[in-house]
Amino acid sequence: MIMRIRETVSMLLAGMLLLQSAAPLASAEPAKPAAPVAQWTFDDQPTVQSLGVVRLDGDGPRAPVYAGFPADNRALVLEAPSWLAIPDEGQDSRFDFDNGDAITLEAWVRPDSIPGEHV
C-alpha cells in the first residue's frame, strides 16, 4: 500500500513538473521573421549592373489573380544570355556566406521556353 502511494505521488509530481515546464511555452510570443538581407522589387530600373538585354516591360503577377500585387505590376525580363550582377560589398558583407550558413532565396520565375531536358 505504501509503495502504491509513493508511485501515485511520484506520478503526480512528475505531471506537475511537466505542466509547469510547458506553461512558459504556451504563453511565449511567436518568433518574428527576420528582415530580408536584400530585396529587389524591380518597380524601377535595376540599381545593379545588368549584362545583356534586361527590360522592365514584362507582365508581373497582378491583382486580382495574385492578391497583394498591383493591377499594373511589371516584371523583369532577361533575354538569354542576360543577368544582373551584384557587386561585392567587401569582406564580411551581407552576401558573404560560409559552409553551413543558412540561406533562403526566393524568386518568381516564368521561363518562356526551356530547351532540351534541363529543368
Protein backbone atom coordinates (compact mmCIF):
# COMPACT_ATOMS: atom_id res chain seq x y z
CA MET A 1 0.00 0.00 0.00
CA ILE A 2 2.80 2.42 0.89
CA MET A 3 4.54 1.54 -2.37
CA ARG A 4 1.37 2.34 -4.34
CA ILE A 5 1.02 5.72 -2.57
CA ARG A 6 4.67 6.53 -3.41
CA GLU A 7 4.08 5.67 -7.08
CA THR A 8 0.96 7.84 -7.19
CA VAL A 9 2.72 10.78 -5.52
CA SER A 10 5.69 10.38 -7.86
CA MET A 11 3.39 10.39 -10.88
CA LEU A 12 1.55 13.47 -9.60
CA LEU A 13 4.83 15.31 -9.01
CA ALA A 14 6.11 14.34 -12.45
CA GLY A 15 2.85 15.56 -14.03
CA MET A 16 3.01 18.86 -12.15
CA LEU A 17 6.62 19.34 -13.21
CA LEU A 18 5.70 18.65 -16.82
CA LEU A 19 2.82 21.14 -16.72
CA GLN A 20 4.99 23.73 -15.05
CA SER A 21 7.74 23.40 -17.64
CA ALA A 22 5.23 23.59 -20.54
CA ALA A 23 3.47 26.71 -19.19
CA PRO A 24 6.12 29.18 -20.38
CA LEU A 25 5.97 27.67 -23.87
CA ALA A 26 2.24 28.23 -24.15
CA SER A 27 2.50 31.90 -23.21
CA ALA A 28 5.62 32.71 -25.25
CA GLU A 29 5.34 35.19 -28.10
CA PRO A 30 5.83 33.69 -31.57
CA ALA A 31 9.19 34.49 -33.15
CA LYS A 32 9.16 37.38 -35.60
CA PRO A 33 10.63 36.61 -39.01
CA ALA A 34 13.99 38.15 -39.78
CA ALA A 35 14.06 41.05 -42.20
CA PRO A 36 15.42 40.27 -45.67
CA VAL A 37 19.13 40.86 -46.19
CA ALA A 38 18.34 42.14 -49.69
CA GLN A 39 15.21 42.61 -51.76
CA TRP A 40 14.71 43.83 -55.31
CA THR A 41 11.19 44.70 -56.45
CA PHE A 42 12.11 45.92 -59.96
CA ASP A 43 9.49 48.68 -59.72
CA ASP A 44 12.17 50.93 -61.28
CA GLN A 45 15.23 50.26 -63.37
CA PRO A 46 17.57 47.84 -61.55
CA THR A 47 20.20 49.62 -59.48
CA VAL A 48 22.69 46.79 -60.03
CA GLN A 49 24.80 46.15 -63.12
CA SER A 50 22.90 44.46 -65.93
CA LEU A 51 24.57 42.42 -68.67
CA GLY A 52 22.78 41.51 -71.88
CA VAL A 53 19.22 42.56 -72.72
CA VAL A 54 17.41 43.49 -69.49
CA ARG A 55 13.97 45.12 -69.59
CA LEU A 56 11.20 46.04 -67.16
CA ASP A 57 8.27 45.64 -69.52
CA GLY A 58 7.09 42.13 -68.68
CA ASP A 59 3.73 41.42 -67.08
CA GLY A 60 4.33 40.55 -63.43
CA PRO A 61 1.90 38.79 -61.11
CA ARG A 62 -1.17 41.04 -60.96
CA ALA A 63 -4.29 41.57 -58.92
CA PRO A 64 -6.91 40.14 -58.65
CA VAL A 65 -5.35 36.76 -59.52
CA TYR A 66 -2.39 37.44 -57.20
CA ALA A 67 -3.60 39.18 -54.07
CA GLY A 68 -1.30 41.89 -52.74
CA PHE A 69 0.10 42.81 -56.15
CA PRO A 70 -0.94 45.95 -58.04
CA ALA A 71 -3.02 45.53 -61.20
CA ASP A 72 -0.21 47.03 -63.30
CA ASN A 73 2.69 45.08 -61.72
CA ARG A 74 5.69 44.77 -64.01
CA ALA A 75 8.32 42.06 -64.23
CA LEU A 76 12.00 42.00 -65.06
CA VAL A 77 12.68 40.38 -68.44
CA LEU A 78 16.08 38.81 -69.12
CA GLU A 79 16.71 37.78 -72.74
CA ALA A 80 19.25 34.95 -72.68
CA PRO A 81 22.09 35.26 -72.15
CA SER A 82 21.44 38.09 -69.66
CA TRP A 83 21.84 38.60 -65.93
CA LEU A 84 22.15 41.11 -63.14
CA ALA A 85 25.45 41.41 -61.29
CA ILE A 86 25.53 42.42 -57.64
CA PRO A 87 28.88 44.00 -56.78
CA ASP A 88 30.91 42.56 -53.92
CA GLU A 89 30.50 44.85 -50.91
CA GLY A 90 33.81 43.77 -49.41
CA GLN A 91 34.94 41.36 -46.75
CA ASP A 92 32.29 40.16 -44.24
CA SER A 93 29.44 41.80 -46.18
CA ARG A 94 25.80 40.72 -46.13
CA PHE A 95 26.42 38.49 -49.17
CA ASP A 96 29.35 36.54 -47.68
CA PHE A 97 28.38 33.00 -46.70
CA ASP A 98 30.41 30.18 -45.20
CA ASN A 99 29.89 26.42 -45.37
CA GLY A 100 26.96 25.54 -43.13
CA ASP A 101 25.34 29.02 -43.19
CA ALA A 102 21.58 29.02 -43.70
CA ILE A 103 20.41 30.92 -46.77
CA THR A 104 16.98 31.22 -48.39
CA LEU A 105 16.46 32.52 -51.92
CA GLU A 106 13.05 33.27 -53.34
CA ALA A 107 12.09 34.24 -56.87
CA TRP A 108 9.08 34.20 -59.13
CA VAL A 109 10.32 32.80 -62.44
CA ARG A 110 8.39 32.32 -65.69
CA PRO A 111 10.55 30.92 -68.47
CA ASP A 112 9.17 31.45 -71.98
CA SER A 113 10.85 28.25 -73.09
CA ILE A 114 13.09 25.52 -71.70
CA PRO A 115 15.30 23.97 -74.39
CA GLY A 116 16.32 20.36 -74.03
CA GLU A 117 15.76 18.29 -70.90
CA HIS A 118 17.42 20.63 -68.39
CA VAL A 119 14.99 21.97 -65.82
